[in-house]
Amino acid sequence: MLAEQDFTQGRIMKQLFFFSGPIMLTNLLQVSYQFIDSLWVGNLLGANALGAVTISSTVVVTVLSFIIGINHAALTVLSQQKGRKDSQGLKRYLNAFVVVLSLLSVIVASIGYLFAGPILEMLNTPPEMLQEAKIYLQVNFLGILFLMGYNFIGTVLRAIGDSKTPLKFVLVAAILNTILDPLFISVFNWGIEGAAYATVISQAVAFLLGVWYTLHFKLAPFTFPSLPTREEVWLILRLGIPSGLQMTVIHAGVAAIMTVVNSFGSPVVAGFGASQRIDSLIILPAMALGTAVNSMAGQNIAAGRWDRVRQIAICGALFNTVIMLAIATLVFILARPLTSLFIQEQEAVQFGTNYLKWIAFFYPFLGLNFVLNGIVRGAGAMYQVLVLNIISFWILRYPLTDLFSRFIGENGIALGMGVAFIISSVFAFSYFKWGKWKEKRLFGEG
């Protein structure tokens, strides 16, 4: 029996709360991989090693982003199939995504492993961090298939309304990673390579557990992979390519911002690395809400329930504002002790503290972007969201970060990003309100 939920009826705020809650916890546990790596690396191996992990992690996410973007396309396609109540269509497109994503993950892993060094050099990685960053990066590329696999299983289950089961897989992996990190880094004396292997092994366990559990309890209609039809592949590429480019634009923008950070030297890189671990926790509720409204809107758009789509947007925006303001207040108050969890060097701690205090209260605006773009993505308007992300990162965030840092120094990194959050939210709202995304149709009638 499928573990599913129908979002075309029922109380929207209640559904959003209980559906997004497990997604937030799942995202928190996923972030904990790098969070725990950073905690152990920063305290056991020092600021340079932490900086190496920070730079390498940025590259991994950037290169993986195209595959993760196709996962977003999968969420839209499968949730609309669910909303249309087309069980055979759900099964066919599920098979097609498995084939396409598997092939892409192997290609990306191979290329990334071979070109890890040149990529890091392009990012102006400080020479004292280069070798450790390369090791960490290459090991992570070896585990891309596992990372892709368990994320895709989670995406499938959320598309049909089940956000609780994926939490179980990631919980097991997070616990395992917590145990293996200090064991590999300190006891086995594998250093930064040990931190990377701990993460990859944990992801492999999550993937294998997810496959077994989903098939055993028949939570989703997975079948033995077969060649998809041309129509199925075309729809996946038509949605997946711009969706993948959305994520690539986002994370390439983050990588570009790292070049600004790197120009200030090792202490700022290390402090930025520590603050980014906290920063990544701040945005988890907004990311979860974006995923939740994507699935909820997708089902309702396919069912023609535009009244509920509007209510989902309103509830998501309100939910985002309350949560993000509360978290921002806590982060502002606890900025220094939170940064000090990862590093002890005073210059690095000071930068990380200042960064968090400067940027904390800008995050409700970033959250609004996640919610509104999630609704639009639910309709399949991937190219439009791609344009919004290009504006957000390459016309606003990177240039403003570079500009502000030139005039007021290292604190301009946070201020430039914060101002960009505000302006990009205006663009996102304008397109949501007056754009033509409602006219998008992915499937024919029937």
Protein backbone atom coordinates (compact mmCIF):
# COMPACT_ATOMS: atom_id res chain seq x y z
CA MET A 1 0.00 0.00 0.00
CA LEU A 2 1.36 3.44 -0.95
CA ALA A 3 2.14 5.87 1.86
CA GLU A 4 0.42 8.90 0.36
CA GLN A 5 -1.56 12.02 1.18
CA ASP A 6 -4.07 13.98 -0.86
CA PHE A 7 -3.37 17.72 -0.64
CA THR A 8 -6.34 18.69 -2.82
CA GLN A 9 -8.58 18.67 0.25
CA GLY A 10 -8.28 19.37 3.96
CA ARG A 11 -6.95 22.25 6.09
CA ILE A 12 -3.96 23.80 4.35
CA MET A 13 -2.11 25.28 7.34
CA LYS A 14 -2.37 22.01 9.24
CA GLN A 15 -1.17 20.03 6.22
CA LEU A 16 1.70 22.46 5.64
CA PHE A 17 2.79 22.25 9.28
CA PHE A 18 2.76 18.45 9.52
CA PHE A 19 4.13 17.89 6.01
CA SER A 20 6.97 20.42 6.20
CA GLY A 21 7.97 19.46 9.75
CA PRO A 22 9.56 16.10 8.82
CA ILE A 23 11.19 17.75 5.79
CA MET A 24 12.81 20.31 8.10
CA LEU A 25 14.10 17.54 10.36
CA THR A 26 15.35 15.57 7.35
CA ASN A 27 17.17 18.63 6.01
CA LEU A 28 18.61 19.25 9.46
CA LEU A 29 20.01 15.73 9.60
CA GLN A 30 21.42 16.04 6.06
CA VAL A 31 23.17 19.27 6.97
CA SER A 32 24.48 17.54 10.08
CA TYR A 33 26.85 15.53 7.86
CA GLN A 34 28.93 18.58 7.04
CA PHE A 35 28.09 20.19 10.39
CA ILE A 36 29.62 17.25 12.26
CA ASP A 37 32.53 17.03 9.83
CA SER A 38 33.25 20.70 10.42
CA LEU A 39 32.92 20.35 14.19
CA TRP A 40 35.47 17.54 14.36
CA VAL A 41 37.76 18.86 11.63
CA GLY A 42 37.83 22.38 13.08
CA ASN A 43 38.60 21.20 16.61
CA LEU A 44 40.91 18.27 15.85
CA LEU A 45 42.71 19.45 12.71
CA GLY A 46 42.56 23.28 12.89
CA ALA A 47 41.34 26.30 10.94
CA ASN A 48 43.12 25.43 7.67
CA ALA A 49 41.48 22.01 7.55
CA LEU A 50 38.08 23.59 8.28
CA GLY A 51 38.64 26.04 5.44
CA ALA A 52 39.50 23.12 3.13
CA VAL A 53 36.24 21.37 4.04
CA THR A 54 34.28 24.59 3.45
CA ILE A 55 35.71 25.16 -0.03
CA SER A 56 35.39 21.50 -1.04
CA SER A 57 31.81 21.30 0.20
CA THR A 58 30.92 24.31 -1.94
CA VAL A 59 32.31 22.54 -5.01
CA VAL A 60 30.54 19.26 -4.26
CA VAL A 61 27.18 20.98 -3.93
CA THR A 62 27.80 23.06 -7.06
CA VAL A 63 28.61 20.03 -9.21
CA LEU A 64 25.81 17.97 -7.69
CA SER A 65 23.32 20.76 -8.11
CA PHE A 66 22.31 19.79 -11.63
CA ILE A 67 21.27 16.31 -10.48
CA ILE A 68 19.54 17.75 -7.41
CA GLY A 69 17.72 20.18 -9.69
CA ILE A 70 16.35 17.26 -11.68
CA ASN A 71 15.10 15.93 -8.35
CA HIS A 72 13.06 19.12 -8.10
CA ALA A 73 11.65 18.42 -11.54
CA ALA A 74 10.79 14.92 -10.33
CA LEU A 75 8.88 16.41 -7.39
CA THR A 76 6.80 18.53 -9.77
CA VAL A 77 6.11 15.76 -12.30
CA LEU A 78 5.30 13.07 -9.75
CA SER A 79 3.18 15.33 -7.54
CA GLN A 80 1.14 16.38 -10.58
CA GLN A 81 0.68 12.72 -11.54
CA LYS A 82 -0.53 12.14 -8.00
CA GLY A 83 -2.91 15.13 -8.29
CA ARG A 84 -4.25 13.74 -11.60
CA LYS A 85 -4.73 10.33 -9.91
CA ASP A 86 -2.78 8.67 -12.74
CA SER A 87 -1.15 5.63 -11.10
CA GLN A 88 0.30 4.29 -14.35
CA GLY A 89 1.75 7.66 -15.25
CA LEU A 90 3.31 7.87 -11.80
CA LYS A 91 4.94 4.47 -12.28
CA ARG A 92 6.23 5.28 -15.79
CA TYR A 93 7.77 8.61 -14.87
CA LEU A 94 9.26 7.14 -11.71
CA ASN A 95 11.11 4.58 -13.82
CA ALA A 96 12.25 7.26 -16.28
CA PHE A 97 13.73 9.43 -13.52
CA VAL A 98 15.60 6.45 -12.04
CA VAL A 99 17.30 5.73 -15.38
CA VAL A 100 18.19 9.36 -16.18
CA LEU A 101 19.45 10.25 -12.70
CA SER A 102 21.57 7.11 -12.40
CA LEU A 103 23.32 7.83 -15.69
CA LEU A 104 23.92 11.48 -14.83
CA SER A 105 25.32 10.71 -11.38
CA VAL A 106 27.93 8.33 -12.81
CA ILE A 107 29.01 10.90 -15.41
CA VAL A 108 29.25 13.75 -12.91
CA ALA A 109 31.15 11.63 -10.36
CA SER A 110 33.75 10.59 -12.93
CA ILE A 111 34.37 14.09 -14.26
CA GLY A 112 34.42 15.64 -10.79
CA TYR A 113 36.93 13.16 -9.42
CA LEU A 114 39.35 13.71 -12.32
CA PHE A 115 39.17 17.52 -12.27
CA ALA A 116 39.02 18.18 -8.51
CA GLY A 117 42.43 19.91 -8.45
CA PRO A 118 41.86 22.37 -11.31
CA ILE A 119 38.41 23.26 -9.94
CA LEU A 120 39.89 24.18 -6.56
CA GLU A 121 42.63 26.24 -8.18
CA MET A 122 40.01 28.19 -10.15
CA LEU A 123 38.38 29.13 -6.82
CA ASN A 124 41.63 30.72 -5.58
CA THR A 125 41.91 28.14 -2.81
CA PRO A 126 44.72 29.22 -0.46
CA PRO A 127 47.84 27.08 -1.15
CA GLU A 128 47.99 25.82 2.44
CA MET A 129 44.46 24.36 2.06
CA LEU A 130 44.70 22.99 -1.48
CA GLN A 131 45.89 19.42 -0.86
CA GLU A 132 43.45 18.68 1.96
CA ALA A 133 40.60 20.26 0.00
CA LYS A 134 41.38 18.05 -3.00
CA ILE A 135 41.39 14.87 -0.91
CA TYR A 136 38.07 15.73 0.75
CA LEU A 137 36.54 16.66 -2.61
CA GLN A 138 37.59 13.49 -4.44
CA VAL A 139 36.30 11.16 -1.74
CA ASN A 140 32.94 12.94 -1.78
CA PHE A 141 32.71 12.55 -5.54
CA LEU A 142 33.05 8.79 -5.07
CA GLY A 143 29.81 8.81 -3.07
CA ILE A 144 27.65 10.89 -5.41
CA LEU A 145 25.52 7.92 -6.49
CA PHE A 146 24.58 7.22 -2.85
CA LEU A 147 23.81 10.87 -2.16
CA MET A 148 21.68 11.10 -5.29
CA GLY A 149 19.94 7.83 -4.52
CA TYR A 150 18.63 8.48 -1.05
CA ASN A 151 17.67 12.06 -1.94
CA PHE A 152 15.65 10.79 -4.90
CA ILE A 153 13.83 8.22 -2.77
CA GLY A 154 12.90 11.03 -0.39
CA THR A 155 11.70 13.17 -3.30
CA VAL A 156 9.46 10.38 -4.61
CA LEU A 157 7.84 9.81 -1.23
CA ARG A 158 7.24 13.54 -0.69
CA ALA A 159 5.64 13.83 -4.13
CA ILE A 160 2.95 11.37 -3.06
CA GLY A 161 2.52 13.04 0.32
CA ASP A 162 4.84 11.08 2.62
CA SER A 163 7.49 13.24 4.32
CA LYS A 164 7.96 11.08 7.43
CA THR A 165 9.57 7.95 5.95
CA PRO A 166 12.62 9.71 4.41
CA LEU A 167 13.38 11.04 7.89
CA LYS A 168 14.04 7.48 9.09
CA PHE A 169 16.72 6.83 6.46
CA VAL A 170 18.59 10.05 7.10
CA LEU A 171 18.38 9.60 10.89
CA VAL A 172 20.22 6.28 10.66
CA ALA A 173 22.87 7.83 8.41
CA ALA A 174 23.33 10.86 10.69
CA ILE A 175 23.85 8.65 13.74
CA LEU A 176 26.35 6.52 11.84
CA ASN A 177 28.23 9.61 10.62
CA THR A 178 28.43 10.94 14.18
CA ILE A 179 30.08 7.69 15.29
CA LEU A 180 32.44 7.28 12.33
CA ASP A 181 33.74 10.87 12.18
CA PRO A 182 35.86 10.90 15.36
CA LEU A 183 36.75 7.23 14.81
CA PHE A 184 38.18 7.83 11.34
CA ILE A 185 39.69 11.28 12.02
CA SER A 186 41.34 10.68 15.38
CA VAL A 187 41.46 6.99 16.30
CA PHE A 188 42.45 5.73 12.83
CA ASN A 189 44.37 8.98 12.25
CA TRP A 190 43.00 9.41 8.71
CA GLY A 191 42.59 13.17 9.11
CA ILE A 192 40.40 15.05 6.66
CA GLU A 193 40.13 11.97 4.43
CA GLY A 194 38.53 10.12 7.34
CA ALA A 195 35.86 12.81 7.68
CA ALA A 196 35.04 12.42 3.98
CA TYR A 197 34.84 8.63 4.16
CA ALA A 198 32.60 8.81 7.23
CA THR A 199 30.14 10.92 5.24
CA VAL A 200 30.19 8.72 2.12
CA ILE A 201 29.74 5.47 4.08
CA SER A 202 26.83 7.00 6.00
CA GLN A 203 25.18 8.09 2.75
CA ALA A 204 25.64 4.62 1.28
CA VAL A 205 23.87 3.09 4.28
CA ALA A 206 20.99 5.60 3.94
CA PHE A 207 20.60 4.74 0.25
CA LEU A 208 20.64 0.97 0.70
CA LEU A 209 18.26 1.18 3.65
CA GLY A 210 15.94 3.41 1.63
CA VAL A 211 15.87 1.00 -1.30
CA TRP A 212 15.14 -2.00 0.89
CA TYR A 213 12.53 -0.30 3.06
CA THR A 214 10.64 1.31 0.16
CA LEU A 215 10.50 -1.92 -1.85
CA HIS A 216 9.74 -4.16 1.12
CA PHE A 217 6.80 -2.08 2.35
CA LYS A 218 5.71 -1.02 -1.17
CA LEU A 219 5.74 2.67 -0.27
CA ALA A 220 6.15 3.76 -3.91
CA PRO A 221 5.58 2.00 -7.25
CA PHE A 222 9.24 1.31 -8.10
CA THR A 223 9.82 -1.34 -10.79
CA PHE A 224 12.89 -2.96 -12.30
CA PRO A 225 14.47 -0.21 -14.47
CA SER A 226 13.61 -0.26 -18.17
CA LEU A 227 14.24 2.12 -21.04
CA PRO A 228 11.86 5.09 -20.81
CA THR A 229 9.90 6.38 -23.79
CA ARG A 230 10.99 9.39 -25.82
CA GLU A 231 8.04 11.38 -24.45
CA GLU A 232 9.05 10.66 -20.86
CA VAL A 233 12.70 11.54 -21.45
CA TRP A 234 11.74 14.72 -23.28
CA LEU A 235 9.55 15.93 -20.40
CA ILE A 236 12.29 15.11 -17.89
CA LEU A 237 14.86 17.04 -19.93
CA ARG A 238 12.45 19.90 -20.65
CA LEU A 239 11.87 20.38 -16.92
CA GLY A 240 15.08 18.88 -15.56
CA ILE A 241 17.59 20.94 -17.54
CA PRO A 242 16.29 24.36 -16.44
CA SER A 243 15.63 23.01 -12.94
CA GLY A 244 19.17 21.66 -12.79
CA LEU A 245 20.50 24.95 -14.10
CA GLN A 246 18.57 26.72 -11.32
CA MET A 247 20.56 24.82 -8.75
CA THR A 248 23.78 25.21 -10.71
CA VAL A 249 23.25 28.98 -10.87
CA ILE A 250 22.61 29.05 -7.12
CA HIS A 251 25.64 27.04 -6.09
CA ALA A 252 27.94 28.46 -8.72
CA GLY A 253 26.94 31.82 -7.27
CA VAL A 254 27.95 30.56 -3.83
CA ALA A 255 31.26 29.40 -5.29
CA ALA A 256 31.74 32.85 -6.85
CA ILE A 257 31.12 34.47 -3.47
CA MET A 258 33.83 32.17 -2.08
CA THR A 259 36.31 33.91 -4.39
CA VAL A 260 35.44 37.17 -2.62
CA VAL A 261 35.83 35.50 0.77
CA ASN A 262 39.11 33.85 -0.22
CA SER A 263 40.59 37.23 -1.13
CA PHE A 264 40.55 38.23 2.55
CA GLY A 265 42.82 35.33 3.58
CA SER A 266 42.73 32.22 5.77
CA PRO A 267 41.15 33.68 8.96
CA VAL A 268 38.15 35.04 7.04
CA VAL A 269 37.84 31.79 5.06
CA ALA A 270 37.83 29.78 8.29
CA GLY A 271 35.39 32.17 9.98
CA PHE A 272 33.13 32.12 6.95
CA GLY A 273 33.28 28.32 6.98
CA ALA A 274 32.16 28.21 10.60
CA SER A 275 29.40 30.76 10.06
CA GLN A 276 28.18 28.90 6.97
CA ARG A 277 27.51 25.83 9.10
CA ILE A 278 25.20 27.93 11.27
CA ASP A 279 23.93 29.76 8.21
CA SER A 280 22.96 26.45 6.62
CA LEU A 281 20.81 25.66 9.66
CA ILE A 282 19.05 29.02 9.54
CA ILE A 283 17.66 28.46 6.05
CA LEU A 284 16.46 24.88 6.65
CA PRO A 285 12.86 25.85 7.51
CA ALA A 286 12.62 28.01 4.37
CA MET A 287 14.04 25.21 2.21
CA ALA A 288 11.59 22.74 3.75
CA LEU A 289 8.67 25.07 3.14
CA GLY A 290 9.79 25.50 -0.48
CA THR A 291 9.79 21.72 -0.95
CA ALA A 292 6.46 21.30 0.85
CA VAL A 293 4.61 23.96 -1.14
CA ASN A 294 6.10 22.56 -4.37
CA SER A 295 4.49 19.19 -3.73
CA MET A 296 1.24 20.61 -2.33
CA ALA A 297 0.86 23.13 -5.16
CA GLY A 298 1.75 20.50 -7.77
CA GLN A 299 -1.11 18.24 -6.69
CA ASN A 300 -3.61 21.13 -6.58
CA ILE A 301 -2.50 22.64 -9.89
CA ALA A 302 -2.99 19.28 -11.61
CA ALA A 303 -6.43 19.01 -10.00
CA GLY A 304 -7.37 22.57 -11.04
CA ARG A 305 -7.70 23.79 -7.42
CA TRP A 306 -6.28 27.28 -7.91
CA ASP A 307 -8.09 28.59 -4.84
CA ARG A 308 -6.04 26.20 -2.71
CA VAL A 309 -2.82 27.10 -4.55
CA ARG A 310 -3.30 30.73 -3.50
CA GLN A 311 -3.96 29.70 0.10
CA ILE A 312 -0.86 27.50 0.10
CA ALA A 313 1.22 30.53 -0.93
CA ILE A 314 -0.27 32.73 1.79
CA CYS A 315 0.16 30.10 4.51
CA GLY A 316 3.70 29.36 3.37
CA ALA A 317 4.69 33.04 3.45
CA LEU A 318 3.22 33.56 6.94
CA PHE A 319 4.80 30.37 8.28
CA ASN A 320 8.16 31.41 6.83
CA THR A 321 8.07 34.88 8.40
CA VAL A 322 7.29 33.66 11.90
CA ILE A 323 9.86 30.86 11.92
CA MET A 324 12.68 32.78 10.26
CA LEU A 325 12.34 35.79 12.56
CA ALA A 326 12.42 33.57 15.64
CA ILE A 327 15.53 31.73 14.42
CA ALA A 328 17.23 34.97 13.38
CA THR A 329 16.76 36.38 16.89
CA LEU A 330 18.38 33.34 18.49
CA VAL A 331 21.29 33.38 16.05
CA PHE A 332 21.91 37.08 16.64
CA ILE A 333 22.08 36.55 20.41
CA LEU A 334 24.21 33.38 20.24
CA ALA A 335 26.43 34.25 17.27
CA ARG A 336 29.76 34.10 19.12
CA PRO A 337 29.27 30.84 21.06
CA LEU A 338 27.85 29.18 17.94
CA THR A 339 30.87 30.22 15.86
CA SER A 340 33.23 29.10 18.64
CA LEU A 341 31.87 25.56 18.37
CA PHE A 342 33.96 25.13 15.23
CA ILE A 343 37.08 27.25 15.65
CA GLN A 344 39.08 28.85 18.44
CA GLU A 345 41.29 31.28 16.50
CA GLN A 346 40.05 34.69 17.65
CA GLU A 347 40.33 36.49 14.31
CA ALA A 348 38.29 33.80 12.58
CA VAL A 349 35.73 33.69 15.41
CA GLN A 350 35.30 37.47 15.25
CA PHE A 351 34.58 37.44 11.53
CA GLY A 352 32.11 34.55 11.85
CA THR A 353 30.30 36.31 14.69
CA ASN A 354 30.03 39.58 12.79
CA TYR A 355 28.83 37.80 9.66
CA LEU A 356 25.98 36.06 11.48
CA LYS A 357 24.87 39.23 13.28
CA TRP A 358 24.89 41.26 10.06
CA ILE A 359 22.91 38.76 7.99
CA ALA A 360 20.52 37.09 10.44
CA PHE A 361 17.48 39.33 9.99
CA PHE A 362 17.70 39.33 6.20
CA TYR A 363 16.76 35.65 6.05
CA PRO A 364 12.95 36.05 6.14
CA PHE A 365 13.31 37.68 2.70
CA LEU A 366 15.33 34.73 1.41
CA GLY A 367 12.66 32.42 2.81
CA LEU A 368 9.99 34.26 0.84
CA ASN A 369 11.96 33.44 -2.32
CA PHE A 370 11.90 29.73 -1.45
CA VAL A 371 8.14 29.72 -0.85
CA LEU A 372 7.08 31.71 -3.92
CA ASN A 373 9.49 29.94 -6.25
CA GLY A 374 8.30 26.60 -4.84
CA ILE A 375 4.72 27.42 -5.84
CA VAL A 376 5.78 28.50 -9.33
CA ARG A 377 7.96 25.40 -9.71
CA GLY A 378 4.94 23.27 -8.80
CA ALA A 379 3.33 24.43 -12.05
CA GLY A 380 6.40 23.35 -14.03
CA ALA A 381 7.59 26.90 -14.83
CA MET A 382 11.26 25.91 -14.52
CA TYR A 383 12.73 28.37 -17.01
CA GLN A 384 11.02 31.25 -15.24
CA VAL A 385 12.44 30.24 -11.87
CA LEU A 386 15.84 29.85 -13.55
CA VAL A 387 15.67 33.49 -14.66
CA LEU A 388 14.70 34.57 -11.13
CA ASN A 389 17.70 32.71 -9.72
CA ILE A 390 20.06 34.23 -12.28
CA ILE A 391 18.82 37.67 -11.21
CA SER A 392 19.14 36.75 -7.53
CA PHE A 393 22.71 35.43 -7.65
CA TRP A 394 24.49 36.90 -10.65
CA ILE A 395 22.82 40.30 -11.01
CA LEU A 396 22.30 40.92 -7.28
CA ARG A 397 24.06 38.70 -4.73
CA TYR A 398 27.55 38.21 -6.16
CA PRO A 399 27.99 41.78 -7.52
CA LEU A 400 26.60 43.38 -4.34
CA THR A 401 28.79 41.18 -2.12
CA ASP A 402 31.86 42.13 -4.12
CA LEU A 403 30.88 45.82 -4.19
CA PHE A 404 30.09 46.15 -0.48
CA SER A 405 33.25 44.26 0.52
CA ARG A 406 35.36 46.64 -1.55
CA PHE A 407 33.94 49.67 0.26
CA ILE A 408 33.54 48.48 3.86
CA GLY A 409 35.81 45.44 3.97
CA GLU A 410 34.99 41.93 5.13
CA ASN A 411 31.67 42.93 6.76
CA GLY A 412 30.45 43.88 3.30
CA ILE A 413 30.16 40.18 2.47
CA ALA A 414 27.16 39.78 4.77
CA LEU A 415 25.63 43.17 4.01
CA GLY A 416 25.82 42.69 0.25
CA MET A 417 24.16 39.30 0.51
CA GLY A 418 21.43 40.64 2.79
CA VAL A 419 20.51 43.52 0.49
CA ALA A 420 20.36 41.04 -2.39
CA PHE A 421 17.90 38.89 -0.41
CA ILE A 422 15.49 41.83 -0.12
CA ILE A 423 15.64 42.85 -3.76
CA SER A 424 15.34 39.28 -5.08
CA SER A 425 12.23 38.69 -2.94
CA VAL A 426 10.62 41.66 -4.70
CA PHE A 427 11.34 40.04 -8.07
CA ALA A 428 9.95 36.68 -6.85
CA PHE A 429 6.73 38.28 -5.57
CA SER A 430 6.28 40.30 -8.76
CA TYR A 431 6.47 37.20 -10.95
CA PHE A 432 4.21 35.21 -8.63
CA LYS A 433 1.62 37.99 -8.72
CA TRP A 434 1.73 39.00 -12.39
CA GLY A 435 3.64 36.26 -14.23
CA LYS A 436 2.15 33.71 -16.62
CA TRP A 437 3.18 30.59 -14.70
CA LYS A 438 -0.48 29.60 -14.22
CA GLU A 439 -0.76 28.99 -17.94
CA LYS A 440 1.82 26.18 -17.83
CA ARG A 441 0.52 22.68 -18.74
CA LEU A 442 2.71 19.57 -18.39
CA PHE A 443 0.19 16.89 -19.39
CA GLY A 444 -2.83 16.60 -21.64
CA GLU A 445 -6.33 16.14 -20.36
CA GLY A 446 -7.43 12.82 -19.03
